[in-house]
Protein backbone atom coordinates (compact mmCIF):
# COMPACT_ATOMS: atom_id res chain seq x y z
CA UNK A 1 6.99 9.40 11.35
CA UNK A 2 10.60 10.50 11.66
CA UNK A 3 11.52 13.96 10.37
CA UNK A 4 14.06 12.55 7.90
CA UNK A 5 11.42 10.34 6.32
CA UNK A 6 8.90 13.17 6.11
CA UNK A 7 11.40 15.25 4.12
CA UNK A 8 11.40 12.73 1.26
CA UNK A 9 9.31 14.00 -1.64
CA UNK A 10 9.63 11.19 -4.22
CA UNK A 11 8.76 7.50 -3.83
CA UNK A 12 11.98 6.40 -5.56
CA UNK A 13 14.01 8.23 -2.91
CA UNK A 14 12.06 6.44 -0.19
CA UNK A 15 13.40 3.13 -1.48
CA UNK A 16 16.97 4.43 -1.51
CA UNK A 17 16.52 5.72 2.04
CA UNK A 18 15.00 2.38 3.14
CA UNK A 19 17.91 0.41 1.66
CA UNK A 20 20.44 2.63 3.39
CA UNK A 21 18.55 2.51 6.69
CA UNK A 22 18.40 -1.29 6.54
CA UNK A 23 22.13 -1.54 5.81
CA UNK A 24 22.81 0.62 8.86
CA UNK A 25 20.52 -1.41 11.13
CA UNK A 26 17.64 1.07 11.31
CA UNK A 27 14.82 -1.26 10.31
CA UNK A 28 12.14 0.97 11.83
CA UNK A 29 13.21 3.93 9.67
CA UNK A 30 13.18 1.66 6.61
CA UNK A 31 9.59 0.63 7.33
CA UNK A 32 8.63 4.28 7.73
CA UNK A 33 10.21 5.00 4.35
CA UNK A 34 8.15 2.23 2.72
CA UNK A 35 5.00 3.71 4.26
CA UNK A 36 6.01 7.16 3.00
CA UNK A 37 6.48 5.71 -0.50
CA UNK A 38 2.94 4.30 -0.40
CA UNK A 39 1.56 7.69 0.66
CA UNK A 40 3.48 9.57 -2.02
CA UNK A 41 2.49 7.14 -4.77
CA UNK A 42 -1.19 7.43 -3.84
CA UNK A 43 -0.93 11.22 -3.71
CA UNK A 44 0.35 11.27 -7.31
CA UNK A 45 -3.17 10.40 -8.52
CA UNK A 46 -5.13 13.55 -9.26
CA UNK A 47 -8.88 13.86 -9.39
CA UNK A 48 -9.68 11.04 -6.99
CA UNK A 49 -11.88 11.19 -3.90
CA UNK A 50 -10.49 10.65 -0.41
CA UNK A 51 -12.02 7.14 -0.34
CA UNK A 52 -10.34 6.33 -3.64
CA UNK A 53 -7.04 7.69 -2.32
CA UNK A 54 -7.29 5.34 0.67
CA UNK A 55 -8.02 2.44 -1.67
CA UNK A 56 -4.97 3.39 -3.76
CA UNK A 57 -2.88 3.31 -0.59
CA UNK A 58 -4.14 -0.22 0.03
CA UNK A 59 -3.13 -1.26 -3.51
CA UNK A 60 0.34 0.27 -3.17
CA UNK A 61 0.76 -1.25 0.31
CA UNK A 62 -0.16 -4.62 -1.22
CA UNK A 63 2.67 -4.12 -3.71
CA UNK A 64 5.03 -3.40 -0.81
CA UNK A 65 3.92 -6.63 0.83
CA UNK A 66 4.57 -8.53 -2.42
CA UNK A 67 8.02 -6.94 -2.70
CA UNK A 68 9.02 -7.37 0.94
CA UNK A 69 12.11 -9.55 1.22
CA UNK A 70 12.54 -9.80 -2.55
CA UNK A 71 15.45 -8.50 -4.56
CA UNK A 72 13.26 -6.43 -6.85
CA UNK A 73 9.97 -4.57 -6.76
CA UNK A 74 6.84 -6.52 -7.63
CA UNK A 75 3.80 -4.95 -9.21
CA UNK A 76 0.23 -6.01 -8.43
CA UNK A 77 -0.55 -6.37 -12.13
CA UNK A 78 -3.89 -8.11 -11.68
CA UNK A 79 -5.06 -5.45 -9.28
CA UNK A 80 -4.14 -2.61 -11.64
CA UNK A 81 -5.82 -4.35 -14.57
CA UNK A 82 -8.95 -4.65 -12.45
CA UNK A 83 -8.74 -0.94 -11.54
CA UNK A 84 -8.64 -0.11 -15.25
CA UNK A 85 -11.62 -2.37 -15.97
CA UNK A 86 -13.84 -1.75 -12.94
CA UNK A 87 -12.60 1.35 -11.14
CA UNK A 88 -10.85 1.90 -7.84
CA UNK A 89 -13.56 1.18 -5.26
CA UNK A 90 -15.08 -1.86 -7.03
CA UNK A 91 -11.56 -3.32 -7.22
CA UNK A 92 -11.09 -2.80 -3.50
CA UNK A 93 -14.41 -4.49 -2.88
CA UNK A 94 -13.33 -7.53 -4.95
CA UNK A 95 -9.95 -7.69 -3.21
CA UNK A 96 -11.62 -7.68 0.21
CA UNK A 97 -13.70 -10.67 -0.85
CA UNK A 98 -10.72 -12.50 -2.37
CA UNK A 99 -7.84 -14.41 -0.84
CA UNK A 100 -5.35 -11.59 -1.53
CA UNK A 101 -6.58 -9.85 1.61
CA UNK A 102 -5.35 -12.73 3.74
CA UNK A 103 -2.06 -13.26 1.88
CA UNK A 104 -0.67 -9.80 2.59
CA UNK A 105 -2.07 -9.16 6.06
CA UNK A 106 0.87 -10.61 8.02
CA UNK A 107 3.47 -8.86 5.88
CA UNK A 108 1.63 -5.55 6.18
CA UNK A 109 1.55 -6.00 9.94
CA UNK A 110 5.31 -6.59 9.90
CA UNK A 111 5.75 -3.43 7.79
CA UNK A 112 3.55 -1.52 10.25
CA UNK A 113 1.03 -0.85 7.47
CA UNK A 114 -1.80 -3.07 8.67
CA UNK A 115 -4.10 -0.02 8.56
CA UNK A 116 -3.52 -0.09 4.77
CA UNK A 117 -4.77 -3.67 4.34
CA UNK A 118 -7.71 -4.18 1.99
CA UNK A 119 -10.17 -4.98 4.76
CA UNK A 120 -8.97 -2.18 7.09
CA UNK A 121 -9.37 0.42 4.33
CA UNK A 122 -12.76 -1.02 3.36
CA UNK A 123 -13.93 -0.69 6.98
CA UNK A 124 -12.59 2.86 7.16
CA UNK A 125 -14.51 4.01 4.09
CA UNK A 126 -17.62 1.97 4.97
CA UNK A 127 -17.50 -0.32 1.94
CA UNK A 128 -20.46 -2.66 1.64
CA UNK A 129 -19.08 -6.18 2.22
CA UNK A 130 -22.26 -7.99 1.18
CA UNK A 131 -22.08 -6.57 -2.37
CA UNK A 132 -18.54 -7.94 -2.76
CA UNK A 133 -19.58 -11.56 -2.33
């Protein structure tokens, strides 16, 4: 990740940086800023395990995929409601089994965040796929 992007300490500033980078033709720096925003937003959650932090990154990356190419930010409302009801890891497990995993995969690949897709994170943390079905 570029040094300028690593200096950003707040997710909101990542979006400002990404907009400016895009306007100046630096699409790669903009994508790095979006990734940095995902990391910073997940790091804001205290008292979560490393596996839960990775799942949170997947949820925030999903929001980036929903927002990509739109004029305004989109929130994964259903996902966050499920997190409140079930918890972080059970929500990830349900999302891996659902169609949302497929919907965002191509956009995440374009954003260079395919390692933050639901199924990639589930594989990384060793989530049991059979229990999700």
